[in-house]
Amino acid sequence: MARHETKQKTSDDSPTGWFCVMEAAIRRGNRDQELRARRELARLGVLVTIDARSVLAETPQRQGGAV
């Protein structure tokens, strides 16, 4: 009888979770976190493209400090 080893899924294996991390990082302007999330999504087989115009339209404009 063949043995099947299964990889235990963790929260690091959740494309939805990494997409949320990426989206929040984009909104905060955290490029390092955005890139990590994109790498993790790519590892999971998810390729993300972003239309910069829509991101800029949704991102609050910073004026003199915190938003």
PDB file of N, CA and C in Angstrom:
ATOM      1  N   MET A   1       0.851  -1.184   0.000  1.00  0.00           N
ATOM      2  CA  MET A   1       0.000   0.000   0.000  1.00  0.00           C
ATOM      3  C   MET A   1       0.893   1.244   0.000  1.00  0.00           C
ATOM      4  N   ALA A   2       0.606   2.177  -0.847  1.00  0.00           N
ATOM      5  CA  ALA A   2       1.410   3.397  -0.958  1.00  0.00           C
ATOM      6  C   ALA A   2       1.072   4.367   0.166  1.00  0.00           C
ATOM      7  N   ARG A   3       2.105   5.003   0.645  1.00  0.00           N
ATOM      8  CA  ARG A   3       1.893   6.041   1.666  1.00  0.00           C
ATOM      9  C   ARG A   3       1.795   7.392   0.973  1.00  0.00           C
ATOM     10  N   HIS A   4       0.852   8.150   1.387  1.00  0.00           N
ATOM     11  CA  HIS A   4       0.689   9.499   0.854  1.00  0.00           C
ATOM     12  C   HIS A   4       1.012  10.490   1.948  1.00  0.00           C
ATOM     13  N   GLU A   5       2.017  11.298   1.684  1.00  0.00           N
ATOM     14  CA  GLU A   5       2.337  12.330   2.651  1.00  0.00           C
ATOM     15  C   GLU A   5       1.645  13.607   2.196  1.00  0.00           C
ATOM     16  N   THR A   6       1.012  14.241   3.127  1.00  0.00           N
ATOM     17  CA  THR A   6       0.317  15.476   2.800  1.00  0.00           C
ATOM     18  C   THR A   6       0.981  16.633   3.510  1.00  0.00           C
ATOM     19  N   LYS A   7       1.018  17.738   2.839  1.00  0.00           N
ATOM     20  CA  LYS A   7       1.566  18.949   3.425  1.00  0.00           C
ATOM     21  C   LYS A   7       0.471  19.617   4.244  1.00  0.00           C
ATOM     22  N   GLN A   8       0.797  19.942   5.462  1.00  0.00           N
ATOM     23  CA  GLN A   8      -0.192  20.613   6.308  1.00  0.00           C
ATOM     24  C   GLN A   8      -0.349  22.050   5.830  1.00  0.00           C
ATOM     25  N   LYS A   9      -1.581  22.434   5.600  1.00  0.00           N
ATOM     26  CA  LYS A   9      -1.843  23.806   5.157  1.00  0.00           C
ATOM     27  C   LYS A   9      -1.750  24.756   6.338  1.00  0.00           C
ATOM     28  N   THR A  10      -1.175  25.915   6.055  1.00  0.00           N
ATOM     29  CA  THR A  10      -1.072  26.953   7.071  1.00  0.00           C
ATOM     30  C   THR A  10      -1.667  28.228   6.498  1.00  0.00           C
ATOM     31  N   SER A  11      -1.742  29.241   7.325  1.00  0.00           N
ATOM     32  CA  SER A  11      -2.257  30.519   6.837  1.00  0.00           C
ATOM     33  C   SER A  11      -1.344  31.093   5.761  1.00  0.00           C
ATOM     34  N   ASP A  12      -0.073  30.664   5.731  1.00  0.00           N
ATOM     35  CA  ASP A  12       0.841  31.115   4.681  1.00  0.00           C
ATOM     36  C   ASP A  12       0.468  30.551   3.317  1.00  0.00           C
ATOM     37  N   ASP A  13      -0.405  29.565   3.286  1.00  0.00           N
ATOM     38  CA  ASP A  13      -0.825  28.950   2.036  1.00  0.00           C
ATOM     39  C   ASP A  13      -2.175  29.473   1.551  1.00  0.00           C
ATOM     40  N   SER A  14      -2.621  30.581   2.101  1.00  0.00           N
ATOM     41  CA  SER A  14      -3.917  31.134   1.740  1.00  0.00           C
ATOM     42  C   SER A  14      -3.763  32.295   0.752  1.00  0.00           C
ATOM     43  N   PRO A  15      -4.124  32.082  -0.529  1.00  0.00           N
ATOM     44  CA  PRO A  15      -4.059  33.187  -1.481  1.00  0.00           C
ATOM     45  C   PRO A  15      -4.925  34.376  -1.050  1.00  0.00           C
ATOM     46  N   THR A  16      -6.070  34.093  -0.460  1.00  0.00           N
ATOM     47  CA  THR A  16      -6.949  35.180  -0.030  1.00  0.00           C
ATOM     48  C   THR A  16      -6.270  36.027   1.042  1.00  0.00           C
ATOM     49  N   GLY A  17      -5.626  35.375   1.987  1.00  0.00           N
ATOM     50  CA  GLY A  17      -4.921  36.100   3.040  1.00  0.00           C
ATOM     51  C   GLY A  17      -3.808  36.968   2.479  1.00  0.00           C
ATOM     52  N   TRP A  18      -3.008  36.414   1.568  1.00  0.00           N
ATOM     53  CA  TRP A  18      -1.909  37.180   0.987  1.00  0.00           C
ATOM     54  C   TRP A  18      -2.432  38.315   0.113  1.00  0.00           C
ATOM     55  N   PHE A  19      -3.569  38.108  -0.553  1.00  0.00           N
ATOM     56  CA  PHE A  19      -4.145  39.197  -1.347  1.00  0.00           C
ATOM     57  C   PHE A  19      -4.558  40.349  -0.432  1.00  0.00           C
ATOM     58  N   CYS A  20      -5.129  40.029   0.717  1.00  0.00           N
ATOM     59  CA  CYS A  20      -5.511  41.071   1.677  1.00  0.00           C
ATOM     60  C   CYS A  20      -4.290  41.818   2.193  1.00  0.00           C
ATOM     61  N   VAL A  21      -3.219  41.079   2.467  1.00  0.00           N
ATOM     62  CA  VAL A  21      -1.966  41.709   2.917  1.00  0.00           C
ATOM     63  C   VAL A  21      -1.457  42.653   1.831  1.00  0.00           C
ATOM     64  N   MET A  22      -1.472  42.187   0.584  1.00  0.00           N
ATOM     65  CA  MET A  22      -0.990  43.005  -0.526  1.00  0.00           C
ATOM     66  C   MET A  22      -1.825  44.268  -0.695  1.00  0.00           C
ATOM     67  N   GLU A  23      -3.132  44.105  -0.650  1.00  0.00           N
ATOM     68  CA  GLU A  23      -4.014  45.249  -0.837  1.00  0.00           C
ATOM     69  C   GLU A  23      -3.809  46.293   0.262  1.00  0.00           C
ATOM     70  N   ALA A  24      -3.686  45.850   1.505  1.00  0.00           N
ATOM     71  CA  ALA A  24      -3.455  46.777   2.614  1.00  0.00           C
ATOM     72  C   ALA A  24      -2.106  47.465   2.461  1.00  0.00           C
ATOM     73  N   ALA A  25      -1.097  46.725   2.034  1.00  0.00           N
ATOM     74  CA  ALA A  25       0.237  47.309   1.854  1.00  0.00           C
ATOM     75  C   ALA A  25       0.222  48.382   0.764  1.00  0.00           C
ATOM     76  N   ILE A  26      -0.512  48.132  -0.302  1.00  0.00           N
ATOM     77  CA  ILE A  26      -0.612  49.122  -1.375  1.00  0.00           C
ATOM     78  C   ILE A  26      -1.271  50.388  -0.850  1.00  0.00           C
ATOM     79  N   ARG A  27      -2.334  50.237  -0.111  1.00  0.00           N
ATOM     80  CA  ARG A  27      -3.043  51.401   0.418  1.00  0.00           C
ATOM     81  C   ARG A  27      -2.180  52.213   1.384  1.00  0.00           C
ATOM     82  N   ARG A  28      -1.297  51.531   2.138  1.00  0.00           N
ATOM     83  CA  ARG A  28      -0.413  52.220   3.082  1.00  0.00           C
ATOM     84  C   ARG A  28       0.885  52.691   2.439  1.00  0.00           C
ATOM     85  N   GLY A  29       1.123  52.258   1.218  1.00  0.00           N
ATOM     86  CA  GLY A  29       2.361  52.619   0.546  1.00  0.00           C
ATOM     87  C   GLY A  29       3.554  51.815   1.041  1.00  0.00           C
ATOM     88  N   ASN A  30       3.315  50.635   1.608  1.00  0.00           N
ATOM     89  CA  ASN A  30       4.384  49.774   2.128  1.00  0.00           C
ATOM     90  C   ASN A  30       4.840  48.840   1.016  1.00  0.00           C
ATOM     91  N   ARG A  31       5.815  49.314   0.243  1.00  0.00           N
ATOM     92  CA  ARG A  31       6.275  48.578  -0.936  1.00  0.00           C
ATOM     93  C   ARG A  31       6.906  47.231  -0.572  1.00  0.00           C
ATOM     94  N   ASP A  32       7.676  47.179   0.523  1.00  0.00           N
ATOM     95  CA  ASP A  32       8.321  45.922   0.919  1.00  0.00           C
ATOM     96  C   ASP A  32       7.286  44.842   1.225  1.00  0.00           C
ATOM     97  N   GLN A  33       6.251  45.210   1.975  1.00  0.00           N
ATOM     98  CA  GLN A  33       5.213  44.233   2.313  1.00  0.00           C
ATOM     99  C   GLN A  33       4.414  43.834   1.076  1.00  0.00           C
ATOM    100  N   GLU A  34       4.186  44.793   0.191  1.00  0.00           N
ATOM    101  CA  GLU A  34       3.482  44.488  -1.055  1.00  0.00           C
ATOM    102  C   GLU A  34       4.266  43.459  -1.872  1.00  0.00           C
ATOM    103  N   LEU A  35       5.569  43.657  -1.996  1.00  0.00           N
ATOM    104  CA  LEU A  35       6.387  42.737  -2.776  1.00  0.00           C
ATOM    105  C   LEU A  35       6.439  41.354  -2.142  1.00  0.00           C
ATOM    106  N   ARG A  36       6.500  41.299  -0.811  1.00  0.00           N
ATOM    107  CA  ARG A  36       6.483  39.985  -0.147  1.00  0.00           C
ATOM    108  C   ARG A  36       5.173  39.264  -0.443  1.00  0.00           C
ATOM    109  N   ALA A  37       4.063  39.995  -0.360  1.00  0.00           N
ATOM    110  CA  ALA A  37       2.765  39.377  -0.629  1.00  0.00           C
ATOM    111  C   ALA A  37       2.693  38.886  -2.075  1.00  0.00           C
ATOM    112  N   ARG A  38       3.227  39.667  -3.006  1.00  0.00           N
ATOM    113  CA  ARG A  38       3.228  39.247  -4.411  1.00  0.00           C
ATOM    114  C   ARG A  38       4.061  37.983  -4.618  1.00  0.00           C
ATOM    115  N   ARG A  39       5.214  37.916  -3.931  1.00  0.00           N
ATOM    116  CA  ARG A  39       6.053  36.715  -4.031  1.00  0.00           C
ATOM    117  C   ARG A  39       5.316  35.489  -3.483  1.00  0.00           C
ATOM    118  N   GLU A  40       4.645  35.671  -2.360  1.00  0.00           N
ATOM    119  CA  GLU A  40       3.897  34.559  -1.770  1.00  0.00           C
ATOM    120  C   GLU A  40       2.749  34.135  -2.678  1.00  0.00           C
ATOM    121  N   LEU A  41       2.076  35.093  -3.267  1.00  0.00           N
ATOM    122  CA  LEU A  41       0.997  34.763  -4.201  1.00  0.00           C
ATOM    123  C   LEU A  41       1.549  34.006  -5.402  1.00  0.00           C
ATOM    124  N   ALA A  42       2.691  34.442  -5.920  1.00  0.00           N
ATOM    125  CA  ALA A  42       3.309  33.745  -7.055  1.00  0.00           C
ATOM    126  C   ALA A  42       3.681  32.314  -6.655  1.00  0.00           C
ATOM    127  N   ARG A  43       4.184  32.145  -5.446  1.00  0.00           N
ATOM    128  CA  ARG A  43       4.526  30.806  -4.949  1.00  0.00           C
ATOM    129  C   ARG A  43       3.296  29.906  -4.945  1.00  0.00           C
ATOM    130  N   LEU A  44       2.145  30.497  -4.684  1.00  0.00           N
ATOM    131  CA  LEU A  44       0.891  29.742  -4.639  1.00  0.00           C
ATOM    132  C   LEU A  44       0.226  29.628  -6.010  1.00  0.00           C
ATOM    133  N   GLY A  45       0.884  30.175  -7.041  1.00  0.00           N
ATOM    134  CA  GLY A  45       0.357  30.064  -8.398  1.00  0.00           C
ATOM    135  C   GLY A  45      -0.588  31.178  -8.806  1.00  0.00           C
ATOM    136  N   VAL A  46      -0.577  32.290  -8.064  1.00  0.00           N
ATOM    137  CA  VAL A  46      -1.473  33.405  -8.361  1.00  0.00           C
ATOM    138  C   VAL A  46      -0.646  34.572  -8.883  1.00  0.00           C
ATOM    139  N   LEU A  47      -0.909  34.995 -10.118  1.00  0.00           N
ATOM    140  CA  LEU A  47      -0.229  36.137 -10.710  1.00  0.00           C
ATOM    141  C   LEU A  47      -1.153  37.345 -10.601  1.00  0.00           C
ATOM    142  N   VAL A  48      -0.656  38.410 -10.002  1.00  0.00           N
ATOM    143  CA  VAL A  48      -1.469  39.603  -9.778  1.00  0.00           C
ATOM    144  C   VAL A  48      -0.937  40.745 -10.633  1.00  0.00           C
ATOM    145  N   THR A  49      -1.834  41.386 -11.356  1.00  0.00           N
ATOM    146  CA  THR A  49      -1.488  42.624 -12.055  1.00  0.00           C
ATOM    147  C   THR A  49      -2.391  43.718 -11.509  1.00  0.00           C
ATOM    148  N   ILE A  50      -1.832  44.912 -11.427  1.00  0.00           N
ATOM    149  CA  ILE A  50      -2.573  46.020 -10.835  1.00  0.00           C
ATOM    150  C   ILE A  50      -2.590  47.189 -11.808  1.00  0.00           C
ATOM    151  N   ASP A  51      -3.741  47.771 -11.957  1.00  0.00           N
ATOM    152  CA  ASP A  51      -3.891  48.985 -12.751  1.00  0.00           C
ATOM    153  C   ASP A  51      -3.597  50.167 -11.828  1.00  0.00           C
ATOM    154  N   ALA A  52      -2.466  50.814 -12.023  1.00  0.00           N
ATOM    155  CA  ALA A  52      -2.036  51.895 -11.137  1.00  0.00           C
ATOM    156  C   ALA A  52      -3.069  53.014 -11.057  1.00  0.00           C
ATOM    157  N   ARG A  53      -3.801  53.244 -12.123  1.00  0.00           N
ATOM    158  CA  ARG A  53      -4.810  54.307 -12.092  1.00  0.00           C
ATOM    159  C   ARG A  53      -5.887  54.020 -11.065  1.00  0.00           C
ATOM    160  N   SER A  54      -6.312  52.771 -10.951  1.00  0.00           N
ATOM    161  CA  SER A  54      -7.363  52.446  -9.988  1.00  0.00           C
ATOM    162  C   SER A  54      -6.821  52.507  -8.561  1.00  0.00           C
ATOM    163  N   VAL A  55      -5.555  52.128  -8.367  1.00  0.00           N
ATOM    164  CA  VAL A  55      -4.951  52.204  -7.035  1.00  0.00           C
ATOM    165  C   VAL A  55      -4.857  53.654  -6.596  1.00  0.00           C
ATOM    166  N   LEU A  56      -4.406  54.514  -7.490  1.00  0.00           N
ATOM    167  CA  LEU A  56      -4.281  55.935  -7.144  1.00  0.00           C
ATOM    168  C   LEU A  56      -5.639  56.561  -6.858  1.00  0.00           C
ATOM    169  N   ALA A  57      -6.659  56.138  -7.561  1.00  0.00           N
ATOM    170  CA  ALA A  57      -7.993  56.690  -7.351  1.00  0.00           C
ATOM    171  C   ALA A  57      -8.555  56.288  -5.986  1.00  0.00           C
ATOM    172  N   GLU A  58      -8.169  55.112  -5.494  1.00  0.00           N
ATOM    173  CA  GLU A  58      -8.702  54.616  -4.216  1.00  0.00           C
ATOM    174  C   GLU A  58      -7.855  54.984  -3.009  1.00  0.00           C
ATOM    175  N   THR A  59      -6.603  55.392  -3.244  1.00  0.00           N
ATOM    176  CA  THR A  59      -5.686  55.675  -2.140  1.00  0.00           C
ATOM    177  C   THR A  59      -5.877  57.106  -1.660  1.00  0.00           C
ATOM    178  N   PRO A  60      -6.105  57.287  -0.350  1.00  0.00           N
ATOM    179  CA  PRO A  60      -6.249  58.641   0.175  1.00  0.00           C
ATOM    180  C   PRO A  60      -4.970  59.439  -0.036  1.00  0.00           C
ATOM    181  N   GLN A  61      -5.102  60.672  -0.390  1.00  0.00           N
ATOM    182  CA  GLN A  61      -3.956  61.543  -0.594  1.00  0.00           C
ATOM    183  C   GLN A  61      -3.433  62.029   0.742  1.00  0.00           C
ATOM    184  N   ARG A  62      -2.130  61.941   0.932  1.00  0.00           N
ATOM    185  CA  ARG A  62      -1.523  62.403   2.181  1.00  0.00           C
ATOM    186  C   ARG A  62      -1.304  63.911   2.106  1.00  0.00           C
ATOM    187  N   GLN A  63      -1.720  64.576   3.167  1.00  0.00           N
ATOM    188  CA  GLN A  63      -1.525  66.014   3.243  1.00  0.00           C
ATOM    189  C   GLN A  63      -0.941  66.346   4.594  1.00  0.00           C
ATOM    190  N   GLY A  64       0.333  66.624   4.602  1.00  0.00           N
ATOM    191  CA  GLY A  64       0.977  67.070   5.828  1.00  0.00           C
ATOM    192  C   GLY A  64       1.007  66.062   6.950  1.00  0.00           C
ATOM    193  N   GLY A  65       1.160  64.773   6.648  1.00  0.00           N
ATOM    194  CA  GLY A  65       1.295  63.804   7.726  1.00  0.00           C
ATOM    195  C   GLY A  65       0.386  62.627   7.585  1.00  0.00           C
ATOM    196  N   ALA A  66      -0.075  62.133   8.698  1.00  0.00           N
ATOM    197  CA  ALA A  66      -0.866  60.889   8.729  1.00  0.00           C
ATOM    198  C   ALA A  66      -2.233  61.082   8.105  1.00  0.00           C
ATOM    199  N   VAL A  67      -2.751  59.989   7.618  1.00  0.00           N
ATOM    200  CA  VAL A  67      -4.087  59.991   7.022  1.00  0.00           C
ATOM    201  C   VAL A  67      -5.082  59.525   8.039  1.00  0.00           C
TER     202      VAL A  67
END
